Amino acid sequence: MYKFLITIFLFIFLSQNSHGETLDRDAIKERLKQGYICAGIFGEAQFSDLLTTEIITTHFYGMYHSKASDIIIKPMFIVFKKLKKNKMKLSKEEHKELESYLADGSKITKNYLSEDRFNLGKNNMVPIFVKGGNNKTGLIPKKDTEPKEMIACKQKYGMDEDDLLTTGVMSTKVSKKKIKAIAEKYLFGF
């Protein structure tokens, strides 16, 4: 009788755990696709050929977009490992397809920059920084100076603009806790 109860208990426990962490490979790929688009948006904002050399080398500007990209991309490595562990590894073709979405994100920012909405010419950038941040730089992105898709990405990944502009060697790193939390969102939904 004892063995029977233990067997039933283990069966229920194991079946609940296995169904509690069911991975939907197609849904994960779709969330990764959205991540690549967002990474393309921030990447183009940092390295666009429409930016002047002064903007590209501006420390704060580079740090802002680099940290935003890390928040999006670093969790993907955890997701890829989890998929591999669960025998759902993405093929090389699937990786190439996902990486192609970087170009879609880049187009969004490139189109926004090419319009030069604020007539800044060579000083056109996305976003435009102004004084008023609660960080060491004292800067904050000016409202409505970036594509709505970039704003949506920042909201989706829980990016704090003051955090993105916090300087210092350790401040530019994304915490392991945040990386793990975003990886969970890639796996199970935002």
N, C-alpha and C. Protein backbone atom coordinates (compact mmCIF):
# COMPACT_ATOMS: atom_id res chain seq x y z
N MET A 1 0.83 -1.19 0.00
CA MET A 1 0.00 0.00 0.00
C MET A 1 0.87 1.26 0.00
N TYR A 2 1.92 1.23 0.80
CA TYR A 2 2.85 2.35 0.90
C TYR A 2 3.48 2.65 -0.46
N LYS A 3 3.97 1.62 -1.11
CA LYS A 3 4.61 1.78 -2.42
C LYS A 3 3.62 2.31 -3.44
N PHE A 4 2.40 1.84 -3.36
CA PHE A 4 1.36 2.28 -4.28
C PHE A 4 1.10 3.79 -4.13
N LEU A 5 0.98 4.28 -2.89
CA LEU A 5 0.75 5.70 -2.65
C LEU A 5 1.94 6.56 -3.10
N ILE A 6 3.14 6.06 -2.83
CA ILE A 6 4.34 6.79 -3.26
C ILE A 6 4.40 6.86 -4.79
N THR A 7 4.06 5.77 -5.44
CA THR A 7 4.07 5.73 -6.90
C THR A 7 3.06 6.72 -7.47
N ILE A 8 1.87 6.75 -6.91
CA ILE A 8 0.84 7.69 -7.38
C ILE A 8 1.29 9.14 -7.15
N PHE A 9 1.84 9.39 -5.97
CA PHE A 9 2.32 10.74 -5.65
C PHE A 9 3.41 11.17 -6.64
N LEU A 10 4.38 10.31 -6.90
CA LEU A 10 5.45 10.64 -7.84
C LEU A 10 4.91 10.86 -9.24
N PHE A 11 3.98 10.00 -9.66
CA PHE A 11 3.38 10.14 -10.98
C PHE A 11 2.69 11.50 -11.13
N ILE A 12 1.89 11.89 -10.15
CA ILE A 12 1.19 13.18 -10.19
C ILE A 12 2.19 14.33 -10.18
N PHE A 13 3.18 14.25 -9.31
CA PHE A 13 4.19 15.30 -9.20
C PHE A 13 4.96 15.47 -10.51
N LEU A 14 5.41 14.37 -11.09
CA LEU A 14 6.18 14.44 -12.33
C LEU A 14 5.33 14.91 -13.51
N SER A 15 4.09 14.47 -13.58
CA SER A 15 3.24 14.88 -14.70
C SER A 15 2.89 16.36 -14.60
N GLN A 16 2.71 16.89 -13.39
CA GLN A 16 2.44 18.32 -13.23
C GLN A 16 3.65 19.14 -13.64
N ASN A 17 4.83 18.72 -13.25
CA ASN A 17 6.05 19.47 -13.59
C ASN A 17 6.33 19.43 -15.08
N SER A 18 6.10 18.30 -15.70
CA SER A 18 6.39 18.21 -17.13
C SER A 18 5.43 19.06 -17.94
N HIS A 19 4.17 19.19 -17.51
CA HIS A 19 3.22 20.01 -18.24
C HIS A 19 3.34 21.48 -17.86
N GLY A 20 3.86 21.77 -16.69
CA GLY A 20 4.03 23.15 -16.24
C GLY A 20 5.09 23.89 -17.03
N GLU A 21 6.03 23.19 -17.62
CA GLU A 21 7.11 23.84 -18.34
C GLU A 21 7.14 23.41 -19.81
N THR A 22 5.97 23.24 -20.40
CA THR A 22 5.89 22.86 -21.80
C THR A 22 6.31 24.04 -22.66
N LEU A 23 7.23 23.77 -23.56
CA LEU A 23 7.73 24.81 -24.44
C LEU A 23 7.04 24.73 -25.79
N ASP A 24 6.57 25.87 -26.27
CA ASP A 24 5.95 25.96 -27.59
C ASP A 24 7.00 26.54 -28.53
N ARG A 25 7.64 25.68 -29.29
CA ARG A 25 8.78 26.06 -30.14
C ARG A 25 8.41 27.18 -31.11
N ASP A 26 7.25 27.10 -31.75
CA ASP A 26 6.85 28.11 -32.72
C ASP A 26 6.62 29.47 -32.04
N ALA A 27 6.00 29.45 -30.87
CA ALA A 27 5.78 30.70 -30.14
C ALA A 27 7.10 31.31 -29.70
N ILE A 28 8.04 30.47 -29.29
CA ILE A 28 9.37 30.96 -28.89
C ILE A 28 10.06 31.60 -30.08
N LYS A 29 9.99 30.95 -31.24
CA LYS A 29 10.61 31.51 -32.45
C LYS A 29 10.00 32.86 -32.79
N GLU A 30 8.71 33.00 -32.62
CA GLU A 30 8.04 34.28 -32.90
C GLU A 30 8.52 35.36 -31.93
N ARG A 31 8.68 35.01 -30.65
CA ARG A 31 9.17 35.99 -29.68
C ARG A 31 10.64 36.35 -29.96
N LEU A 32 11.43 35.37 -30.40
CA LEU A 32 12.82 35.65 -30.77
C LEU A 32 12.87 36.56 -32.00
N LYS A 33 11.95 36.34 -32.94
CA LYS A 33 11.87 37.19 -34.13
C LYS A 33 11.64 38.65 -33.72
N GLN A 34 10.70 38.86 -32.80
CA GLN A 34 10.43 40.21 -32.31
C GLN A 34 11.65 40.80 -31.61
N GLY A 35 12.39 39.95 -30.90
CA GLY A 35 13.62 40.39 -30.25
C GLY A 35 14.66 40.84 -31.25
N TYR A 36 14.81 40.09 -32.34
CA TYR A 36 15.76 40.47 -33.37
C TYR A 36 15.36 41.78 -34.04
N ILE A 37 14.08 41.99 -34.24
CA ILE A 37 13.62 43.26 -34.82
C ILE A 37 14.00 44.41 -33.88
N CYS A 38 13.74 44.24 -32.59
CA CYS A 38 14.09 45.28 -31.61
C CYS A 38 15.60 45.52 -31.57
N ALA A 39 16.37 44.45 -31.63
CA ALA A 39 17.83 44.59 -31.63
C ALA A 39 18.28 45.36 -32.87
N GLY A 40 17.64 45.12 -34.00
CA GLY A 40 17.97 45.86 -35.22
C GLY A 40 17.65 47.33 -35.10
N ILE A 41 16.57 47.65 -34.42
CA ILE A 41 16.18 49.05 -34.20
C ILE A 41 17.27 49.77 -33.42
N PHE A 42 17.72 49.16 -32.32
CA PHE A 42 18.75 49.80 -31.49
C PHE A 42 20.12 49.78 -32.17
N GLY A 43 20.41 48.72 -32.89
CA GLY A 43 21.69 48.63 -33.58
C GLY A 43 21.85 49.71 -34.64
N GLU A 44 20.81 49.93 -35.41
CA GLU A 44 20.85 50.97 -36.45
C GLU A 44 20.95 52.35 -35.81
N ALA A 45 20.30 52.54 -34.68
CA ALA A 45 20.37 53.84 -33.99
C ALA A 45 21.78 54.12 -33.49
N GLN A 46 22.56 53.08 -33.28
CA GLN A 46 23.92 53.26 -32.79
C GLN A 46 24.95 53.35 -33.92
N PHE A 47 24.75 52.57 -34.99
CA PHE A 47 25.78 52.45 -36.02
C PHE A 47 25.36 52.92 -37.41
N SER A 48 24.24 53.60 -37.53
CA SER A 48 23.74 53.98 -38.85
C SER A 48 24.73 54.84 -39.62
N ASP A 49 24.78 54.64 -40.93
CA ASP A 49 25.62 55.49 -41.76
C ASP A 49 25.01 56.89 -41.93
N LEU A 50 23.80 57.08 -41.40
CA LEU A 50 23.17 58.40 -41.43
C LEU A 50 23.60 59.26 -40.24
N LEU A 51 24.34 58.67 -39.30
CA LEU A 51 24.83 59.41 -38.14
C LEU A 51 26.21 59.97 -38.43
N THR A 52 26.51 61.10 -37.83
CA THR A 52 27.85 61.66 -38.00
C THR A 52 28.82 60.91 -37.10
N THR A 53 30.08 61.08 -37.36
CA THR A 53 31.12 60.44 -36.56
C THR A 53 31.03 60.90 -35.11
N GLU A 54 30.70 62.16 -34.89
CA GLU A 54 30.63 62.67 -33.52
C GLU A 54 29.55 61.92 -32.71
N ILE A 55 28.42 61.67 -33.34
CA ILE A 55 27.34 60.98 -32.63
C ILE A 55 27.73 59.52 -32.38
N ILE A 56 28.29 58.87 -33.38
CA ILE A 56 28.64 57.47 -33.23
C ILE A 56 29.63 57.27 -32.08
N THR A 57 30.54 58.20 -31.91
CA THR A 57 31.56 58.04 -30.87
C THR A 57 31.15 58.67 -29.53
N THR A 58 29.98 59.26 -29.47
CA THR A 58 29.51 59.82 -28.20
C THR A 58 29.29 58.67 -27.22
N HIS A 59 29.98 58.74 -26.11
CA HIS A 59 29.96 57.66 -25.13
C HIS A 59 28.54 57.35 -24.66
N PHE A 60 27.80 58.37 -24.28
CA PHE A 60 26.46 58.14 -23.73
C PHE A 60 25.52 57.52 -24.75
N TYR A 61 25.63 57.98 -25.97
CA TYR A 61 24.77 57.49 -27.03
C TYR A 61 25.05 56.01 -27.31
N GLY A 62 26.33 55.68 -27.40
CA GLY A 62 26.72 54.28 -27.62
C GLY A 62 26.33 53.39 -26.47
N MET A 63 26.53 53.87 -25.25
CA MET A 63 26.21 53.09 -24.07
C MET A 63 24.70 52.80 -24.00
N TYR A 64 23.90 53.81 -24.28
CA TYR A 64 22.44 53.69 -24.24
C TYR A 64 21.96 52.56 -25.15
N HIS A 65 22.40 52.59 -26.41
CA HIS A 65 21.95 51.60 -27.38
C HIS A 65 22.59 50.24 -27.17
N SER A 66 23.82 50.23 -26.72
CA SER A 66 24.51 48.97 -26.46
C SER A 66 23.84 48.22 -25.32
N LYS A 67 23.52 48.93 -24.25
CA LYS A 67 22.87 48.28 -23.11
C LYS A 67 21.47 47.80 -23.49
N ALA A 68 20.76 48.60 -24.29
CA ALA A 68 19.43 48.18 -24.75
C ALA A 68 19.53 46.90 -25.57
N SER A 69 20.52 46.83 -26.44
CA SER A 69 20.73 45.63 -27.26
C SER A 69 21.07 44.42 -26.39
N ASP A 70 21.89 44.62 -25.37
CA ASP A 70 22.24 43.53 -24.46
C ASP A 70 21.02 42.98 -23.72
N ILE A 71 20.12 43.87 -23.32
CA ILE A 71 18.90 43.46 -22.62
C ILE A 71 18.07 42.55 -23.52
N ILE A 72 18.11 42.80 -24.81
CA ILE A 72 17.33 42.01 -25.77
C ILE A 72 18.06 40.73 -26.17
N ILE A 73 19.35 40.82 -26.45
CA ILE A 73 20.09 39.71 -27.06
C ILE A 73 20.66 38.70 -26.06
N LYS A 74 21.23 39.14 -24.95
CA LYS A 74 21.86 38.21 -24.01
C LYS A 74 20.91 37.09 -23.54
N PRO A 75 19.64 37.40 -23.25
CA PRO A 75 18.74 36.31 -22.85
C PRO A 75 18.51 35.26 -23.94
N MET A 76 18.72 35.64 -25.19
CA MET A 76 18.51 34.69 -26.29
C MET A 76 19.44 33.48 -26.15
N PHE A 77 20.65 33.69 -25.64
CA PHE A 77 21.60 32.58 -25.49
C PHE A 77 21.08 31.55 -24.49
N ILE A 78 20.41 32.01 -23.44
CA ILE A 78 19.79 31.10 -22.48
C ILE A 78 18.67 30.32 -23.16
N VAL A 79 17.90 31.01 -23.98
CA VAL A 79 16.79 30.38 -24.69
C VAL A 79 17.31 29.31 -25.65
N PHE A 80 18.37 29.62 -26.38
CA PHE A 80 18.94 28.64 -27.32
C PHE A 80 19.41 27.39 -26.57
N LYS A 81 20.04 27.58 -25.40
CA LYS A 81 20.50 26.44 -24.60
C LYS A 81 19.32 25.62 -24.10
N LYS A 82 18.26 26.30 -23.67
CA LYS A 82 17.07 25.61 -23.16
C LYS A 82 16.42 24.80 -24.28
N LEU A 83 16.34 25.37 -25.47
CA LEU A 83 15.76 24.65 -26.60
C LEU A 83 16.60 23.41 -26.93
N LYS A 84 17.90 23.58 -26.93
CA LYS A 84 18.80 22.45 -27.22
C LYS A 84 18.64 21.36 -26.16
N LYS A 85 18.56 21.77 -24.90
CA LYS A 85 18.41 20.81 -23.80
C LYS A 85 17.11 20.02 -23.94
N ASN A 86 16.07 20.66 -24.46
CA ASN A 86 14.77 20.02 -24.62
C ASN A 86 14.57 19.41 -26.01
N LYS A 87 15.69 19.21 -26.70
CA LYS A 87 15.67 18.59 -28.03
C LYS A 87 14.79 19.35 -29.02
N MET A 88 14.85 20.69 -28.92
CA MET A 88 14.12 21.57 -29.83
C MET A 88 15.06 22.55 -30.50
N LYS A 89 16.31 22.18 -30.60
CA LYS A 89 17.36 23.05 -31.12
C LYS A 89 16.97 23.65 -32.47
N LEU A 90 17.31 24.93 -32.64
CA LEU A 90 17.04 25.60 -33.91
C LEU A 90 18.12 25.22 -34.92
N SER A 91 17.72 25.01 -36.14
CA SER A 91 18.68 24.67 -37.20
C SER A 91 19.44 25.93 -37.63
N LYS A 92 20.48 25.72 -38.41
CA LYS A 92 21.25 26.86 -38.92
C LYS A 92 20.37 27.76 -39.79
N GLU A 93 19.49 27.14 -40.56
CA GLU A 93 18.58 27.91 -41.41
C GLU A 93 17.63 28.76 -40.57
N GLU A 94 17.15 28.19 -39.48
CA GLU A 94 16.25 28.94 -38.61
C GLU A 94 16.98 30.10 -37.94
N HIS A 95 18.23 29.88 -37.56
CA HIS A 95 19.04 30.98 -36.99
C HIS A 95 19.24 32.08 -38.02
N LYS A 96 19.54 31.71 -39.25
CA LYS A 96 19.73 32.70 -40.32
C LYS A 96 18.45 33.48 -40.57
N GLU A 97 17.33 32.77 -40.56
CA GLU A 97 16.04 33.43 -40.76
C GLU A 97 15.79 34.44 -39.64
N LEU A 98 16.03 34.04 -38.39
CA LEU A 98 15.83 34.96 -37.27
C LEU A 98 16.76 36.17 -37.38
N GLU A 99 18.01 35.92 -37.73
CA GLU A 99 18.97 37.02 -37.85
C GLU A 99 18.60 37.97 -38.97
N SER A 100 17.87 37.49 -39.96
CA SER A 100 17.45 38.36 -41.06
C SER A 100 16.48 39.45 -40.57
N TYR A 101 15.83 39.23 -39.45
CA TYR A 101 14.90 40.22 -38.91
C TYR A 101 15.62 41.43 -38.32
N LEU A 102 16.93 41.32 -38.11
CA LEU A 102 17.71 42.49 -37.70
C LEU A 102 17.56 43.60 -38.75
N ALA A 103 17.55 43.20 -40.02
CA ALA A 103 17.42 44.17 -41.11
C ALA A 103 16.07 44.88 -41.07
N ASP A 104 15.02 44.16 -40.67
CA ASP A 104 13.69 44.79 -40.56
C ASP A 104 13.70 45.88 -39.50
N GLY A 105 14.35 45.60 -38.38
CA GLY A 105 14.47 46.60 -37.33
C GLY A 105 15.32 47.78 -37.77
N SER A 106 16.40 47.47 -38.47
CA SER A 106 17.28 48.53 -38.97
C SER A 106 16.53 49.48 -39.90
N LYS A 107 15.67 48.93 -40.75
CA LYS A 107 14.90 49.76 -41.70
C LYS A 107 14.02 50.77 -40.95
N ILE A 108 13.45 50.34 -39.84
CA ILE A 108 12.58 51.23 -39.07
C ILE A 108 13.35 52.46 -38.63
N THR A 109 14.53 52.24 -38.04
CA THR A 109 15.34 53.37 -37.56
C THR A 109 15.91 54.17 -38.72
N LYS A 110 16.36 53.49 -39.75
CA LYS A 110 16.95 54.18 -40.91
C LYS A 110 15.91 55.11 -41.55
N ASN A 111 14.68 54.64 -41.70
CA ASN A 111 13.62 55.48 -42.26
C ASN A 111 13.35 56.69 -41.36
N TYR A 112 13.35 56.45 -40.05
CA TYR A 112 13.11 57.53 -39.10
C TYR A 112 14.22 58.58 -39.18
N LEU A 113 15.47 58.11 -39.23
CA LEU A 113 16.61 59.03 -39.32
C LEU A 113 16.61 59.78 -40.65
N SER A 114 16.26 59.11 -41.72
CA SER A 114 16.32 59.75 -43.05
C SER A 114 15.29 60.86 -43.19
N GLU A 115 14.23 60.81 -42.42
CA GLU A 115 13.22 61.87 -42.49
C GLU A 115 13.69 63.16 -41.83
N ASP A 116 14.67 63.07 -40.91
CA ASP A 116 15.21 64.24 -40.19
C ASP A 116 14.07 65.15 -39.75
N ARG A 117 13.19 64.64 -38.97
CA ARG A 117 11.97 65.33 -38.54
C ARG A 117 12.22 66.64 -37.81
N PHE A 118 13.41 66.80 -37.24
CA PHE A 118 13.67 67.98 -36.42
C PHE A 118 14.67 68.92 -37.08
N ASN A 119 14.93 68.67 -38.37
CA ASN A 119 15.85 69.50 -39.16
C ASN A 119 17.19 69.70 -38.46
N LEU A 120 17.75 68.60 -37.98
CA LEU A 120 19.03 68.67 -37.28
C LEU A 120 20.20 68.37 -38.20
N GLY A 121 19.94 67.97 -39.42
CA GLY A 121 21.00 67.68 -40.37
C GLY A 121 21.94 66.62 -39.84
N LYS A 122 23.23 66.95 -39.75
CA LYS A 122 24.23 65.97 -39.31
C LYS A 122 24.10 65.63 -37.83
N ASN A 123 23.35 66.40 -37.06
CA ASN A 123 23.17 66.10 -35.64
C ASN A 123 21.91 65.27 -35.37
N ASN A 124 21.28 64.79 -36.43
CA ASN A 124 20.09 63.97 -36.28
C ASN A 124 20.45 62.66 -35.59
N MET A 125 19.70 62.26 -34.59
CA MET A 125 19.95 61.01 -33.87
C MET A 125 18.66 60.49 -33.28
N VAL A 126 18.68 59.25 -32.84
CA VAL A 126 17.49 58.59 -32.28
C VAL A 126 17.88 57.91 -30.98
N PRO A 127 17.30 58.30 -29.86
CA PRO A 127 16.54 59.51 -29.63
C PRO A 127 17.47 60.70 -29.44
N ILE A 128 16.89 61.87 -29.29
CA ILE A 128 17.67 63.07 -28.98
C ILE A 128 17.69 63.17 -27.45
N PHE A 129 18.85 63.40 -26.89
CA PHE A 129 18.98 63.52 -25.44
C PHE A 129 18.86 64.97 -25.00
N VAL A 130 18.19 65.17 -23.88
CA VAL A 130 18.06 66.50 -23.27
C VAL A 130 18.36 66.37 -21.79
N LYS A 131 18.58 67.49 -21.12
CA LYS A 131 18.84 67.48 -19.68
C LYS A 131 17.57 67.09 -18.94
N GLY A 132 17.77 66.41 -17.78
CA GLY A 132 16.61 66.07 -16.96
C GLY A 132 16.60 64.65 -16.44
N GLY A 133 17.63 63.87 -16.71
CA GLY A 133 17.66 62.49 -16.24
C GLY A 133 18.06 62.38 -14.78
N ASN A 134 17.65 61.30 -14.15
CA ASN A 134 18.02 61.02 -12.75
C ASN A 134 19.23 60.10 -12.69
N ASN A 135 20.19 60.31 -13.57
CA ASN A 135 21.39 59.49 -13.63
C ASN A 135 22.60 60.41 -13.62
N LYS A 136 23.79 59.82 -13.61
CA LYS A 136 25.02 60.63 -13.54
C LYS A 136 25.19 61.56 -14.73
N THR A 137 24.67 61.17 -15.88
CA THR A 137 24.82 62.01 -17.07
C THR A 137 23.92 63.24 -17.00
N GLY A 138 22.81 63.13 -16.29
CA GLY A 138 21.84 64.21 -16.24
C GLY A 138 21.02 64.32 -17.52
N LEU A 139 21.12 63.30 -18.38
CA LEU A 139 20.41 63.30 -19.66
C LEU A 139 19.24 62.34 -19.64
N ILE A 140 18.32 62.58 -20.53
CA ILE A 140 17.17 61.70 -20.72
C ILE A 140 16.73 61.85 -22.19
N PRO A 141 16.20 60.80 -22.80
CA PRO A 141 15.70 60.95 -24.18
C PRO A 141 14.53 61.92 -24.24
N LYS A 142 14.58 62.80 -25.21
CA LYS A 142 13.49 63.76 -25.41
C LYS A 142 12.28 63.03 -25.95
N LYS A 143 11.13 63.35 -25.43
CA LYS A 143 9.88 62.71 -25.83
C LYS A 143 9.64 62.90 -27.33
N ASP A 144 9.14 61.84 -27.95
CA ASP A 144 8.77 61.84 -29.37
C ASP A 144 9.94 62.10 -30.32
N THR A 145 11.15 61.66 -29.95
CA THR A 145 12.30 61.82 -30.86
C THR A 145 12.87 60.45 -31.26
N GLU A 146 12.02 59.44 -31.22
CA GLU A 146 12.43 58.10 -31.62
C GLU A 146 11.23 57.38 -32.22
N PRO A 147 11.46 56.36 -33.02
CA PRO A 147 10.34 55.63 -33.62
C PRO A 147 9.45 54.99 -32.55
N LYS A 148 8.17 54.93 -32.82
CA LYS A 148 7.24 54.33 -31.86
C LYS A 148 7.60 52.87 -31.60
N GLU A 149 8.21 52.21 -32.59
CA GLU A 149 8.63 50.82 -32.41
C GLU A 149 9.75 50.70 -31.38
N MET A 150 10.62 51.70 -31.32
CA MET A 150 11.70 51.69 -30.33
C MET A 150 11.11 51.87 -28.92
N ILE A 151 10.14 52.74 -28.82
CA ILE A 151 9.45 52.95 -27.53
C ILE A 151 8.77 51.66 -27.10
N ALA A 152 8.11 50.99 -28.05
CA ALA A 152 7.43 49.72 -27.74
C ALA A 152 8.43 48.67 -27.27
N CYS A 153 9.61 48.62 -27.90
CA CYS A 153 10.65 47.67 -27.48
C CYS A 153 11.11 47.96 -26.07
N LYS A 154 11.32 49.23 -25.75
CA LYS A 154 11.76 49.60 -24.40
C LYS A 154 10.71 49.18 -23.36
N GLN A 155 9.46 49.38 -23.69
CA GLN A 155 8.39 48.99 -22.77
C GLN A 155 8.31 47.47 -22.63
N LYS A 156 8.39 46.77 -23.75
CA LYS A 156 8.28 45.31 -23.76
C LYS A 156 9.36 44.65 -22.91
N TYR A 157 10.58 45.18 -23.00
CA TYR A 157 11.71 44.59 -22.28
C TYR A 157 11.99 45.28 -20.94
N GLY A 158 11.09 46.14 -20.52
CA GLY A 158 11.20 46.79 -19.21
C GLY A 158 12.45 47.63 -19.05
N MET A 159 12.79 48.37 -20.10
CA MET A 159 14.00 49.20 -20.05
C MET A 159 13.71 50.53 -19.37
N ASP A 160 14.55 50.85 -18.41
CA ASP A 160 14.46 52.13 -17.71
C ASP A 160 15.48 53.06 -18.36
N GLU A 161 15.01 54.20 -18.88
CA GLU A 161 15.90 55.10 -19.61
C GLU A 161 17.01 55.65 -18.74
N ASP A 162 16.73 55.91 -17.46
CA ASP A 162 17.80 56.35 -16.57
C ASP A 162 18.85 55.27 -16.40
N ASP A 163 18.41 54.02 -16.32
CA ASP A 163 19.35 52.90 -16.20
C ASP A 163 20.20 52.78 -17.47
N LEU A 164 19.58 52.97 -18.62
CA LEU A 164 20.32 52.88 -19.88
C LEU A 164 21.40 53.97 -19.99
N LEU A 165 21.21 55.07 -19.28
CA LEU A 165 22.16 56.18 -19.32
C LEU A 165 23.06 56.26 -18.09
N THR A 166 23.02 55.23 -17.25
CA THR A 166 23.89 55.23 -16.07
C THR A 166 25.28 54.82 -16.49
N THR A 167 26.25 55.66 -16.17
CA THR A 167 27.62 55.40 -16.59
C THR A 167 28.39 54.60 -15.55
N GLY A 168 29.56 54.17 -15.93
CA GLY A 168 30.42 53.40 -15.04
C GLY A 168 30.63 52.01 -15.60
N VAL A 169 31.77 51.42 -15.28
CA VAL A 169 32.12 50.12 -15.83
C VAL A 169 31.06 49.07 -15.50
N MET A 170 30.64 48.99 -14.26
CA MET A 170 29.66 47.97 -13.86
C MET A 170 28.24 48.36 -14.28
N SER A 171 27.97 49.62 -14.42
CA SER A 171 26.61 50.08 -14.73
C SER A 171 26.18 49.75 -16.15
N THR A 172 27.15 49.50 -17.02
CA THR A 172 26.76 49.20 -18.39
C THR A 172 26.40 47.72 -18.57
N LYS A 173 26.63 46.92 -17.56
CA LYS A 173 26.28 45.50 -17.65
C LYS A 173 24.82 45.29 -17.27
N VAL A 174 24.22 44.28 -17.87
CA VAL A 174 22.85 43.91 -17.56
C VAL A 174 22.91 42.86 -16.46
N SER A 175 22.10 43.01 -15.44
CA SER A 175 22.13 42.08 -14.32
C SER A 175 21.70 40.68 -14.74
N LYS A 176 22.25 39.68 -14.08
CA LYS A 176 21.88 38.29 -14.37
C LYS A 176 20.39 38.07 -14.10
N LYS A 177 19.88 38.75 -13.11
CA LYS A 177 18.46 38.62 -12.77
C LYS A 177 17.58 39.11 -13.92
N LYS A 178 17.96 40.24 -14.51
CA LYS A 178 17.19 40.79 -15.64
C LYS A 178 17.31 39.88 -16.86
N ILE A 179 18.51 39.37 -17.12
CA ILE A 179 18.71 38.47 -18.26
C ILE A 179 17.84 37.22 -18.10
N LYS A 180 17.82 36.66 -16.90
CA LYS A 180 17.02 35.46 -16.64
C LYS A 180 15.53 35.76 -16.81
N ALA A 181 15.10 36.92 -16.32
CA ALA A 181 13.68 37.29 -16.42
C ALA A 181 13.25 37.44 -17.89
N ILE A 182 14.10 38.06 -18.71
CA ILE A 182 13.76 38.23 -20.13
C ILE A 182 13.79 36.87 -20.84
N ALA A 183 14.74 36.01 -20.48
CA ALA A 183 14.79 34.67 -21.07
C ALA A 183 13.50 33.91 -20.78
N GLU A 184 12.98 34.04 -19.57
CA GLU A 184 11.70 33.40 -19.21
C GLU A 184 10.57 33.94 -20.08
N LYS A 185 10.61 35.23 -20.37
CA LYS A 185 9.58 35.83 -21.23
C LYS A 185 9.69 35.30 -22.66
N TYR A 186 10.91 35.15 -23.16
CA TYR A 186 11.08 34.55 -24.49
C TYR A 186 10.50 33.13 -24.51
N LEU A 187 10.72 32.40 -23.42
CA LEU A 187 10.28 31.00 -23.37
C LEU A 187 8.78 30.85 -23.18
N PHE A 188 8.20 31.68 -22.31
CA PHE A 188 6.81 31.45 -21.90
C PHE A 188 5.86 32.60 -22.22
N GLY A 189 6.35 33.69 -22.79
CA GLY A 189 5.48 34.79 -23.20
C GLY A 189 5.70 36.07 -22.43
N PHE A 190 5.48 37.16 -23.12
CA PHE A 190 5.64 38.49 -22.51
C PHE A 190 4.33 38.92 -21.88
